[in-house]
Amino acid sequence: MEYGVPEFSSLAEAIVYQQLNGKAAVTIFNRFAALAGQPLTPAGILKLSDEQMRSVGLSKQKSAYLKDLAAKTAAGLLDFSKLPKLSDEEVIDHLTQVKGIGIWTAHMFLIFALRRPNVLPTGDYGVQMAVKKYYKKRRLPNPKDMEKIARAWEPYRSVACWYMWRSLDIKTV
């Protein structure tokens, strides 16, 4: 089975990008990808030493997450070919077996890698901020409130979230 699949690379990239600002994340990911080889594969990641991974700016924790992703994929525990056929909940369950992949990362994967149209990432700070702003909430909405508000967005909650993110980026004169 070929593991140089875009979904594997997308998930590895998501791990690298966690809790980093855009420019730093891009730099670290590009260095990591150059070291591991393009396209990213489990074998390419597993051949790297901890020192090599640290040398490109990856923390010990992120290195462990990337190695867990690579090992579980190489062992067949993570099967990207079956993800398109699974429900959103099944994809989340499948992906979160990897250390370092939580619900937020799984939601981003569903939206951007699998292009699922009706995902609501209730734990995403940007979507929470936009809901707070546009729905005139005093504090950030909890997941239950977000679910209630987003019922009106179905079956295109992913698209609505994209607009929510973009609305926070717009600078008016």
N, C-alpha and C. Protein backbone atom coordinates (compact mmCIF):
# COMPACT_ATOMS: atom_id res chain seq x y z
N MET A 1 0.84 -1.19 0.00
CA MET A 1 0.00 0.00 0.00
C MET A 1 0.88 1.25 0.00
N GLU A 2 0.55 2.23 -0.79
CA GLU A 2 1.30 3.48 -0.88
C GLU A 2 0.87 4.43 0.24
N TYR A 3 1.83 4.89 1.02
CA TYR A 3 1.51 5.77 2.14
C TYR A 3 1.84 7.23 1.89
N GLY A 4 2.33 7.58 0.71
CA GLY A 4 2.61 8.96 0.39
C GLY A 4 1.32 9.66 -0.03
N VAL A 5 0.27 9.43 0.74
CA VAL A 5 -1.04 9.98 0.39
C VAL A 5 -1.21 11.37 0.97
N PRO A 6 -1.96 12.23 0.29
CA PRO A 6 -2.14 13.60 0.78
C PRO A 6 -2.73 13.65 2.19
N GLU A 7 -3.62 12.72 2.52
CA GLU A 7 -4.25 12.74 3.84
C GLU A 7 -3.24 12.49 4.96
N PHE A 8 -2.28 11.61 4.72
CA PHE A 8 -1.23 11.36 5.71
C PHE A 8 -0.41 12.63 5.93
N SER A 9 0.00 13.24 4.83
CA SER A 9 0.78 14.48 4.90
C SER A 9 -0.02 15.58 5.58
N SER A 10 -1.29 15.67 5.26
CA SER A 10 -2.17 16.69 5.85
C SER A 10 -2.25 16.53 7.37
N LEU A 11 -2.34 15.31 7.83
CA LEU A 11 -2.43 15.05 9.26
C LEU A 11 -1.09 15.35 9.95
N ALA A 12 0.01 14.97 9.32
CA ALA A 12 1.33 15.29 9.87
C ALA A 12 1.50 16.80 9.96
N GLU A 13 1.07 17.50 8.93
CA GLU A 13 1.17 18.96 8.92
C GLU A 13 0.31 19.57 10.03
N ALA A 14 -0.87 19.02 10.24
CA ALA A 14 -1.75 19.52 11.30
C ALA A 14 -1.08 19.37 12.67
N ILE A 15 -0.38 18.27 12.87
CA ILE A 15 0.32 18.07 14.14
C ILE A 15 1.42 19.12 14.30
N VAL A 16 2.19 19.35 13.25
CA VAL A 16 3.26 20.35 13.32
C VAL A 16 2.69 21.74 13.62
N TYR A 17 1.57 22.07 13.02
CA TYR A 17 0.99 23.41 13.13
C TYR A 17 0.31 23.68 14.47
N GLN A 18 0.01 22.65 15.24
CA GLN A 18 -0.70 22.84 16.51
C GLN A 18 0.04 23.83 17.40
N GLN A 19 -0.68 24.82 17.89
CA GLN A 19 -0.21 25.81 18.86
C GLN A 19 1.00 26.62 18.39
N LEU A 20 1.12 26.82 17.08
CA LEU A 20 2.18 27.67 16.54
C LEU A 20 1.57 28.75 15.68
N ASN A 21 2.27 29.90 15.58
CA ASN A 21 1.76 30.91 14.66
C ASN A 21 2.13 30.51 13.24
N GLY A 22 1.46 31.10 12.28
CA GLY A 22 1.58 30.70 10.88
C GLY A 22 2.98 30.63 10.33
N LYS A 23 3.77 31.70 10.48
CA LYS A 23 5.10 31.76 9.87
C LYS A 23 6.04 30.72 10.49
N ALA A 24 6.02 30.60 11.82
CA ALA A 24 6.88 29.62 12.49
C ALA A 24 6.48 28.21 12.08
N ALA A 25 5.17 27.95 12.01
CA ALA A 25 4.67 26.62 11.64
C ALA A 25 5.11 26.25 10.23
N VAL A 26 5.00 27.17 9.30
CA VAL A 26 5.39 26.91 7.90
C VAL A 26 6.88 26.59 7.84
N THR A 27 7.69 27.38 8.52
CA THR A 27 9.14 27.16 8.52
C THR A 27 9.49 25.79 9.08
N ILE A 28 8.93 25.46 10.23
CA ILE A 28 9.22 24.17 10.87
C ILE A 28 8.73 23.02 9.98
N PHE A 29 7.51 23.16 9.45
CA PHE A 29 6.99 22.08 8.61
C PHE A 29 7.85 21.89 7.36
N ASN A 30 8.25 22.97 6.71
CA ASN A 30 9.07 22.85 5.50
C ASN A 30 10.42 22.19 5.80
N ARG A 31 11.04 22.54 6.93
CA ARG A 31 12.31 21.91 7.32
C ARG A 31 12.10 20.42 7.60
N PHE A 32 11.01 20.12 8.31
CA PHE A 32 10.69 18.73 8.65
C PHE A 32 10.44 17.92 7.38
N ALA A 33 9.65 18.46 6.45
CA ALA A 33 9.32 17.75 5.21
C ALA A 33 10.58 17.53 4.37
N ALA A 34 11.48 18.51 4.34
CA ALA A 34 12.72 18.36 3.58
C ALA A 34 13.57 17.23 4.18
N LEU A 35 13.57 17.11 5.48
CA LEU A 35 14.34 16.07 6.17
C LEU A 35 13.70 14.69 5.99
N ALA A 36 12.38 14.61 6.12
CA ALA A 36 11.68 13.32 6.05
C ALA A 36 11.48 12.85 4.61
N GLY A 37 11.47 13.79 3.67
CA GLY A 37 11.27 13.44 2.26
C GLY A 37 9.85 13.74 1.80
N GLN A 38 9.76 14.12 0.52
CA GLN A 38 8.47 14.43 -0.08
C GLN A 38 8.11 13.37 -1.11
N PRO A 39 6.91 12.87 -1.15
CA PRO A 39 5.84 13.16 -0.20
C PRO A 39 6.12 12.50 1.14
N LEU A 40 5.55 13.06 2.20
CA LEU A 40 5.73 12.49 3.53
C LEU A 40 5.17 11.08 3.58
N THR A 41 5.94 10.18 4.17
CA THR A 41 5.50 8.80 4.34
C THR A 41 5.82 8.36 5.77
N PRO A 42 5.15 7.33 6.26
CA PRO A 42 5.51 6.80 7.58
C PRO A 42 6.99 6.41 7.65
N ALA A 43 7.49 5.74 6.61
CA ALA A 43 8.89 5.32 6.61
C ALA A 43 9.83 6.52 6.69
N GLY A 44 9.49 7.59 5.98
CA GLY A 44 10.32 8.79 6.00
C GLY A 44 10.39 9.42 7.38
N ILE A 45 9.30 9.37 8.11
CA ILE A 45 9.27 9.93 9.47
C ILE A 45 9.96 8.98 10.44
N LEU A 46 9.70 7.69 10.32
CA LEU A 46 10.25 6.72 11.27
C LEU A 46 11.77 6.59 11.17
N LYS A 47 12.35 6.95 10.03
CA LYS A 47 13.81 6.86 9.88
C LYS A 47 14.54 7.99 10.62
N LEU A 48 13.80 9.04 11.02
CA LEU A 48 14.42 10.19 11.66
C LEU A 48 14.69 9.93 13.14
N SER A 49 15.83 10.42 13.60
CA SER A 49 16.15 10.33 15.03
C SER A 49 15.49 11.49 15.76
N ASP A 50 15.40 11.37 17.08
CA ASP A 50 14.86 12.46 17.89
C ASP A 50 15.68 13.73 17.70
N GLU A 51 17.00 13.57 17.60
CA GLU A 51 17.87 14.75 17.40
C GLU A 51 17.57 15.43 16.07
N GLN A 52 17.38 14.65 15.03
CA GLN A 52 17.06 15.24 13.73
C GLN A 52 15.74 16.01 13.79
N MET A 53 14.76 15.44 14.46
CA MET A 53 13.46 16.11 14.56
C MET A 53 13.57 17.39 15.38
N ARG A 54 14.35 17.35 16.44
CA ARG A 54 14.56 18.57 17.25
C ARG A 54 15.33 19.63 16.46
N SER A 55 16.23 19.18 15.59
CA SER A 55 17.07 20.12 14.82
C SER A 55 16.25 20.99 13.87
N VAL A 56 15.05 20.55 13.50
CA VAL A 56 14.20 21.35 12.61
C VAL A 56 13.16 22.16 13.39
N GLY A 57 13.23 22.08 14.73
CA GLY A 57 12.34 22.90 15.55
C GLY A 57 11.15 22.18 16.16
N LEU A 58 11.10 20.85 16.02
CA LEU A 58 9.99 20.10 16.60
C LEU A 58 10.27 19.80 18.07
N SER A 59 9.26 19.97 18.89
CA SER A 59 9.40 19.64 20.31
C SER A 59 9.45 18.12 20.46
N LYS A 60 9.90 17.70 21.63
CA LYS A 60 9.93 16.26 21.94
C LYS A 60 8.53 15.67 21.82
N GLN A 61 7.54 16.42 22.30
CA GLN A 61 6.15 15.95 22.28
C GLN A 61 5.63 15.80 20.85
N LYS A 62 5.85 16.83 20.01
CA LYS A 62 5.38 16.75 18.62
C LYS A 62 6.10 15.65 17.85
N SER A 63 7.37 15.47 18.14
CA SER A 63 8.11 14.39 17.51
C SER A 63 7.48 13.05 17.85
N ALA A 64 7.10 12.87 19.11
CA ALA A 64 6.46 11.63 19.55
C ALA A 64 5.11 11.45 18.85
N TYR A 65 4.37 12.54 18.69
CA TYR A 65 3.07 12.47 18.01
C TYR A 65 3.26 12.05 16.55
N LEU A 66 4.24 12.66 15.87
CA LEU A 66 4.49 12.34 14.47
C LEU A 66 4.94 10.89 14.31
N LYS A 67 5.77 10.42 15.23
CA LYS A 67 6.22 9.02 15.18
C LYS A 67 5.05 8.07 15.46
N ASP A 68 4.13 8.45 16.36
CA ASP A 68 2.96 7.62 16.63
C ASP A 68 2.06 7.55 15.39
N LEU A 69 1.86 8.69 14.74
CA LEU A 69 1.08 8.72 13.49
C LEU A 69 1.71 7.80 12.45
N ALA A 70 3.03 7.91 12.28
CA ALA A 70 3.73 7.11 11.28
C ALA A 70 3.68 5.62 11.63
N ALA A 71 3.90 5.29 12.90
CA ALA A 71 3.90 3.88 13.32
C ALA A 71 2.52 3.26 13.16
N LYS A 72 1.48 3.98 13.56
CA LYS A 72 0.12 3.43 13.46
C LYS A 72 -0.31 3.30 11.99
N THR A 73 0.14 4.21 11.15
CA THR A 73 -0.17 4.10 9.73
C THR A 73 0.58 2.92 9.11
N ALA A 74 1.87 2.81 9.42
CA ALA A 74 2.68 1.71 8.88
C ALA A 74 2.15 0.36 9.32
N ALA A 75 1.62 0.29 10.54
CA ALA A 75 1.09 -0.98 11.07
C ALA A 75 -0.32 -1.28 10.56
N GLY A 76 -0.91 -0.35 9.81
CA GLY A 76 -2.24 -0.56 9.27
C GLY A 76 -3.36 -0.22 10.24
N LEU A 77 -3.03 0.32 11.41
CA LEU A 77 -4.06 0.72 12.38
C LEU A 77 -4.80 1.97 11.92
N LEU A 78 -4.12 2.79 11.14
CA LEU A 78 -4.73 3.99 10.57
C LEU A 78 -4.79 3.76 9.07
N ASP A 79 -5.98 3.69 8.53
CA ASP A 79 -6.18 3.36 7.13
C ASP A 79 -6.89 4.53 6.43
N PHE A 80 -6.12 5.32 5.71
CA PHE A 80 -6.66 6.51 5.05
C PHE A 80 -7.63 6.16 3.92
N SER A 81 -7.46 4.98 3.30
CA SER A 81 -8.33 4.63 2.18
C SER A 81 -9.77 4.41 2.61
N LYS A 82 -9.99 4.06 3.87
CA LYS A 82 -11.37 3.81 4.30
C LYS A 82 -12.06 5.06 4.87
N LEU A 83 -11.30 6.13 5.13
CA LEU A 83 -11.88 7.32 5.75
C LEU A 83 -13.02 7.96 4.96
N PRO A 84 -12.93 8.07 3.63
CA PRO A 84 -14.03 8.69 2.90
C PRO A 84 -15.37 7.97 3.07
N LYS A 85 -15.33 6.68 3.37
CA LYS A 85 -16.57 5.91 3.51
C LYS A 85 -17.15 5.97 4.92
N LEU A 86 -16.38 6.48 5.88
CA LEU A 86 -16.82 6.51 7.27
C LEU A 86 -17.64 7.76 7.58
N SER A 87 -18.49 7.66 8.59
CA SER A 87 -19.22 8.85 9.07
C SER A 87 -18.24 9.79 9.75
N ASP A 88 -18.65 11.03 9.97
CA ASP A 88 -17.79 12.00 10.66
C ASP A 88 -17.35 11.46 12.01
N GLU A 89 -18.26 10.91 12.79
CA GLU A 89 -17.93 10.38 14.12
C GLU A 89 -16.93 9.22 14.02
N GLU A 90 -17.12 8.37 13.03
CA GLU A 90 -16.18 7.25 12.85
C GLU A 90 -14.79 7.75 12.45
N VAL A 91 -14.73 8.78 11.63
CA VAL A 91 -13.43 9.36 11.25
C VAL A 91 -12.76 9.94 12.50
N ILE A 92 -13.52 10.66 13.31
CA ILE A 92 -12.97 11.24 14.54
C ILE A 92 -12.42 10.12 15.43
N ASP A 93 -13.18 9.06 15.63
CA ASP A 93 -12.72 7.94 16.45
C ASP A 93 -11.46 7.30 15.87
N HIS A 94 -11.42 7.16 14.55
CA HIS A 94 -10.28 6.53 13.88
C HIS A 94 -9.02 7.39 14.05
N LEU A 95 -9.16 8.70 13.87
CA LEU A 95 -7.99 9.58 13.92
C LEU A 95 -7.49 9.83 15.34
N THR A 96 -8.39 9.91 16.29
CA THR A 96 -7.99 10.25 17.66
C THR A 96 -7.32 9.09 18.39
N GLN A 97 -7.16 7.95 17.73
CA GLN A 97 -6.35 6.87 18.32
C GLN A 97 -4.86 7.24 18.29
N VAL A 98 -4.50 8.25 17.51
CA VAL A 98 -3.12 8.70 17.41
C VAL A 98 -2.86 9.75 18.50
N LYS A 99 -1.77 9.57 19.23
CA LYS A 99 -1.40 10.56 20.25
C LYS A 99 -1.20 11.91 19.57
N GLY A 100 -1.77 12.96 20.15
CA GLY A 100 -1.60 14.30 19.61
C GLY A 100 -2.69 14.71 18.64
N ILE A 101 -3.57 13.79 18.30
CA ILE A 101 -4.69 14.15 17.44
C ILE A 101 -5.95 14.12 18.29
N GLY A 102 -6.50 15.30 18.49
CA GLY A 102 -7.72 15.43 19.26
C GLY A 102 -8.88 15.75 18.35
N ILE A 103 -9.97 16.11 18.97
CA ILE A 103 -11.19 16.38 18.21
C ILE A 103 -11.01 17.59 17.28
N TRP A 104 -10.33 18.64 17.76
CA TRP A 104 -10.13 19.82 16.91
C TRP A 104 -9.38 19.43 15.63
N THR A 105 -8.29 18.70 15.78
CA THR A 105 -7.51 18.28 14.60
C THR A 105 -8.36 17.41 13.68
N ALA A 106 -9.14 16.51 14.27
CA ALA A 106 -10.02 15.65 13.46
C ALA A 106 -11.06 16.48 12.72
N HIS A 107 -11.61 17.50 13.39
CA HIS A 107 -12.58 18.39 12.72
C HIS A 107 -11.92 19.11 11.54
N MET A 108 -10.69 19.62 11.74
CA MET A 108 -9.99 20.32 10.65
C MET A 108 -9.73 19.35 9.50
N PHE A 109 -9.38 18.11 9.83
CA PHE A 109 -9.16 17.10 8.81
C PHE A 109 -10.44 16.81 8.02
N LEU A 110 -11.54 16.69 8.73
CA LEU A 110 -12.83 16.46 8.06
C LEU A 110 -13.16 17.61 7.10
N ILE A 111 -12.93 18.84 7.55
CA ILE A 111 -13.26 20.01 6.72
C ILE A 111 -12.31 20.15 5.54
N PHE A 112 -11.01 20.14 5.81
CA PHE A 112 -10.04 20.53 4.79
C PHE A 112 -9.46 19.37 3.98
N ALA A 113 -9.31 18.20 4.56
CA ALA A 113 -8.76 17.06 3.81
C ALA A 113 -9.87 16.23 3.16
N LEU A 114 -10.92 15.95 3.92
CA LEU A 114 -12.01 15.14 3.37
C LEU A 114 -13.13 15.99 2.76
N ARG A 115 -13.03 17.31 2.95
CA ARG A 115 -14.00 18.25 2.37
C ARG A 115 -15.44 17.94 2.76
N ARG A 116 -15.63 17.60 4.03
CA ARG A 116 -16.98 17.34 4.53
C ARG A 116 -17.70 18.67 4.70
N PRO A 117 -18.92 18.80 4.19
CA PRO A 117 -19.61 20.09 4.17
C PRO A 117 -20.32 20.50 5.45
N ASN A 118 -20.50 19.58 6.39
CA ASN A 118 -21.37 19.89 7.53
C ASN A 118 -20.71 19.63 8.88
N VAL A 119 -19.47 20.09 9.03
CA VAL A 119 -18.72 19.90 10.27
C VAL A 119 -18.76 21.20 11.08
N LEU A 120 -19.01 21.07 12.36
CA LEU A 120 -18.99 22.23 13.27
C LEU A 120 -17.90 22.02 14.31
N PRO A 121 -16.76 22.70 14.14
CA PRO A 121 -15.68 22.56 15.12
C PRO A 121 -15.94 23.42 16.36
N THR A 122 -16.71 22.88 17.28
CA THR A 122 -17.14 23.65 18.45
C THR A 122 -15.97 24.09 19.33
N GLY A 123 -14.83 23.43 19.22
CA GLY A 123 -13.67 23.79 20.02
C GLY A 123 -12.73 24.76 19.34
N ASP A 124 -13.10 25.27 18.17
CA ASP A 124 -12.22 26.18 17.45
C ASP A 124 -12.39 27.61 17.95
N TYR A 125 -11.30 28.19 18.39
CA TYR A 125 -11.32 29.53 18.98
C TYR A 125 -11.82 30.58 17.98
N GLY A 126 -11.40 30.49 16.73
CA GLY A 126 -11.82 31.46 15.72
C GLY A 126 -13.33 31.43 15.50
N VAL A 127 -13.89 30.24 15.39
CA VAL A 127 -15.34 30.13 15.20
C VAL A 127 -16.06 30.62 16.46
N GLN A 128 -15.53 30.27 17.61
CA GLN A 128 -16.13 30.75 18.87
C GLN A 128 -16.13 32.28 18.92
N MET A 129 -15.00 32.89 18.56
CA MET A 129 -14.90 34.36 18.58
C MET A 129 -15.90 35.00 17.61
N ALA A 130 -16.02 34.43 16.42
CA ALA A 130 -16.96 34.98 15.44
C ALA A 130 -18.40 34.83 15.91
N VAL A 131 -18.74 33.68 16.49
CA VAL A 131 -20.10 33.48 17.00
C VAL A 131 -20.36 34.49 18.13
N LYS A 132 -19.40 34.68 19.00
CA LYS A 132 -19.54 35.66 20.10
C LYS A 132 -19.82 37.05 19.52
N LYS A 133 -19.04 37.42 18.51
CA LYS A 133 -19.16 38.75 17.91
C LYS A 133 -20.49 38.93 17.17
N TYR A 134 -20.82 38.01 16.27
CA TYR A 134 -21.99 38.20 15.41
C TYR A 134 -23.32 37.84 16.05
N TYR A 135 -23.25 37.03 17.09
CA TYR A 135 -24.48 36.68 17.81
C TYR A 135 -24.58 37.41 19.14
N LYS A 136 -23.70 38.41 19.29
CA LYS A 136 -23.71 39.32 20.44
C LYS A 136 -23.78 38.59 21.78
N LYS A 137 -22.84 37.67 21.96
CA LYS A 137 -22.72 36.92 23.21
C LYS A 137 -21.74 37.65 24.13
N ARG A 138 -21.95 37.59 25.43
CA ARG A 138 -21.04 38.23 26.38
C ARG A 138 -19.73 37.45 26.52
N ARG A 139 -19.81 36.13 26.39
CA ARG A 139 -18.61 35.31 26.48
C ARG A 139 -18.58 34.32 25.32
N LEU A 140 -17.47 33.62 25.23
CA LEU A 140 -17.36 32.62 24.18
C LEU A 140 -18.45 31.56 24.37
N PRO A 141 -19.09 31.16 23.30
CA PRO A 141 -20.17 30.17 23.42
C PRO A 141 -19.61 28.77 23.74
N ASN A 142 -20.37 28.02 24.52
CA ASN A 142 -19.97 26.64 24.79
C ASN A 142 -20.46 25.77 23.62
N PRO A 143 -20.00 24.52 23.55
CA PRO A 143 -20.38 23.66 22.42
C PRO A 143 -21.90 23.52 22.25
N LYS A 144 -22.63 23.40 23.34
CA LYS A 144 -24.08 23.25 23.25
C LYS A 144 -24.72 24.48 22.59
N ASP A 145 -24.29 25.68 22.99
CA ASP A 145 -24.80 26.91 22.39
C ASP A 145 -24.43 27.00 20.90
N MET A 146 -23.20 26.60 20.59
CA MET A 146 -22.77 26.64 19.19
C MET A 146 -23.61 25.68 18.34
N GLU A 147 -23.88 24.49 18.87
CA GLU A 147 -24.71 23.52 18.15
C GLU A 147 -26.09 24.12 17.85
N LYS A 148 -26.65 24.79 18.85
CA LYS A 148 -27.98 25.39 18.70
C LYS A 148 -27.97 26.48 17.63
N ILE A 149 -27.00 27.38 17.70
CA ILE A 149 -26.88 28.46 16.72
C ILE A 149 -26.66 27.90 15.32
N ALA A 150 -25.80 26.88 15.22
CA ALA A 150 -25.40 26.35 13.91
C ALA A 150 -26.45 25.45 13.25
N ARG A 151 -27.53 25.17 13.93
CA ARG A 151 -28.59 24.39 13.28
C ARG A 151 -29.07 25.09 12.00
N ALA A 152 -29.09 26.41 12.04
CA ALA A 152 -29.53 27.18 10.88
C ALA A 152 -28.54 27.09 9.72
N TRP A 153 -27.32 26.68 9.99
CA TRP A 153 -26.29 26.60 8.96
C TRP A 153 -26.29 25.26 8.23
N GLU A 154 -27.02 24.28 8.76
CA GLU A 154 -27.02 22.95 8.16
C GLU A 154 -27.67 22.98 6.79
N PRO A 155 -27.21 22.19 5.86
CA PRO A 155 -26.18 21.16 5.92
C PRO A 155 -24.79 21.66 5.50
N TYR A 156 -24.53 22.94 5.70
CA TYR A 156 -23.27 23.54 5.24
C TYR A 156 -22.52 24.23 6.38
N ARG A 157 -22.44 23.59 7.54
CA ARG A 157 -21.78 24.21 8.68
C ARG A 157 -20.29 24.44 8.42
N SER A 158 -19.65 23.58 7.66
CA SER A 158 -18.23 23.78 7.34
C SER A 158 -18.04 25.08 6.57
N VAL A 159 -18.92 25.32 5.61
CA VAL A 159 -18.85 26.54 4.80
C VAL A 159 -19.10 27.77 5.69
N ALA A 160 -20.10 27.68 6.55
CA ALA A 160 -20.39 28.79 7.47
C ALA A 160 -19.19 29.08 8.36
N CYS A 161 -18.52 28.03 8.83
CA CYS A 161 -17.34 28.23 9.68
C CYS A 161 -16.22 28.92 8.90
N TRP A 162 -16.06 28.54 7.65
CA TRP A 162 -15.05 29.19 6.82
C TRP A 162 -15.34 30.69 6.72
N TYR A 163 -16.59 31.04 6.51
CA TYR A 163 -16.95 32.45 6.46
C TYR A 163 -16.73 33.13 7.81
N MET A 164 -17.00 32.42 8.89
CA MET A 164 -16.77 32.96 10.23
C MET A 164 -15.28 33.27 10.42
N TRP A 165 -14.41 32.32 10.04
CA TRP A 165 -12.97 32.55 10.14
C TRP A 165 -12.55 33.74 9.31
N ARG A 166 -13.01 33.77 8.07
CA ARG A 166 -12.62 34.85 7.16
C ARG A 166 -13.12 36.20 7.64
N SER A 167 -14.30 36.22 8.27
CA SER A 167 -14.86 37.50 8.73
C SER A 167 -13.97 38.15 9.79
N LEU A 168 -13.24 37.35 10.51
CA LEU A 168 -12.34 37.90 11.53
C LEU A 168 -11.04 38.40 10.93
N ASP A 169 -10.72 37.97 9.70
CA ASP A 169 -9.49 38.40 9.02
C ASP A 169 -9.64 39.72 8.30
N ILE A 170 -10.88 40.10 8.00
CA ILE A 170 -11.13 41.28 7.17
C ILE A 170 -10.83 42.55 7.96
N LYS A 171 -10.06 43.40 7.30
CA LYS A 171 -9.73 44.69 7.91
C LYS A 171 -10.48 45.77 7.14
N THR A 172 -11.26 46.55 7.86
CA THR A 172 -12.00 47.61 7.20
C THR A 172 -11.23 48.92 7.36
N VAL A 173 -11.40 49.80 6.39
CA VAL A 173 -10.69 51.08 6.41
C VAL A 173 -11.47 52.08 7.23
